[in-house]
Amino acid sequence: MDKTLKFIYAMFSCLYLFMVTKEVYAKSICKVDDDCPQRFVMYPLMFMCIKNICRLVNE
């Protein structure tokens, strides 16, 4: 039972790390705000196109 719980914990940890690193948007080039990613954004924060680079800013 203990080995099963450790295995499940390890699987969730690996999946979590994969999902977090998968959603990295490093310097996305844009021309308008609609070019920026809109997924996984917390409410007061949003991506906006500033100087042709998508940046996360307060709304």
Protein backbone atom coordinates (compact mmCIF):
# COMPACT_ATOMS: atom_id res chain seq x y z
CA MET A 1 0.00 0.00 0.00
CA ASP A 2 2.81 2.39 0.88
CA LYS A 3 4.62 1.73 -2.40
CA THR A 4 1.42 2.40 -4.34
CA LEU A 5 0.91 5.77 -2.66
CA LYS A 6 4.52 6.75 -3.30
CA PHE A 7 4.15 5.77 -6.96
CA ILE A 8 0.95 7.82 -7.34
CA TYR A 9 2.60 10.79 -5.61
CA ALA A 10 5.61 10.57 -7.94
CA MET A 11 3.36 10.38 -11.02
CA PHE A 12 1.35 13.45 -9.98
CA SER A 13 4.55 15.36 -9.23
CA CYS A 14 5.99 14.58 -12.67
CA LEU A 15 2.75 15.41 -14.47
CA TYR A 16 2.43 18.69 -12.58
CA LEU A 17 5.97 19.75 -13.51
CA PHE A 18 5.34 18.84 -17.15
CA MET A 19 2.12 20.84 -17.29
CA VAL A 20 3.65 23.91 -15.62
CA THR A 21 6.65 24.02 -17.92
CA LYS A 22 4.48 23.34 -20.96
CA GLU A 23 2.64 26.68 -20.60
CA VAL A 24 5.67 28.97 -20.67
CA TYR A 25 5.33 31.85 -23.12
CA ALA A 26 8.76 33.41 -23.44
CA LYS A 27 8.63 36.69 -25.34
CA SER A 28 5.79 36.00 -27.74
CA ILE A 29 5.94 38.41 -30.66
CA CYS A 30 2.70 40.24 -31.43
CA LYS A 31 1.18 43.17 -33.30
CA VAL A 32 -2.17 43.44 -31.49
CA ASP A 33 -3.50 42.17 -28.14
CA ASP A 34 -5.36 39.32 -29.85
CA ASP A 35 -2.02 37.78 -30.92
CA CYS A 36 -1.14 37.13 -27.27
CA PRO A 37 -2.08 33.86 -25.52
CA GLN A 38 -5.34 33.97 -23.55
CA ARG A 39 -5.19 30.57 -21.83
CA PHE A 40 -4.52 30.04 -18.13
CA VAL A 41 -4.64 33.70 -17.15
CA MET A 42 -5.80 34.69 -13.66
CA TYR A 43 -8.57 37.32 -13.60
CA PRO A 44 -6.85 40.63 -12.78
CA LEU A 45 -3.91 39.72 -15.01
CA MET A 46 -4.02 39.53 -18.79
CA PHE A 47 -1.61 39.45 -21.70
CA MET A 48 -1.26 42.68 -23.66
CA CYS A 49 0.88 43.53 -26.66
CA ILE A 50 3.39 46.17 -25.54
CA LYS A 51 6.18 47.15 -27.90
CA ASN A 52 5.50 44.06 -30.04
CA ILE A 53 6.00 41.65 -27.12
CA CYS A 54 3.23 39.94 -25.13
CA ARG A 55 3.44 40.97 -21.50
CA LEU A 56 1.36 39.97 -18.47
CA VAL A 57 -0.15 43.13 -16.93
CA ASN A 58 -2.86 44.13 -14.47
CA GLU A 59 -6.15 44.88 -16.14
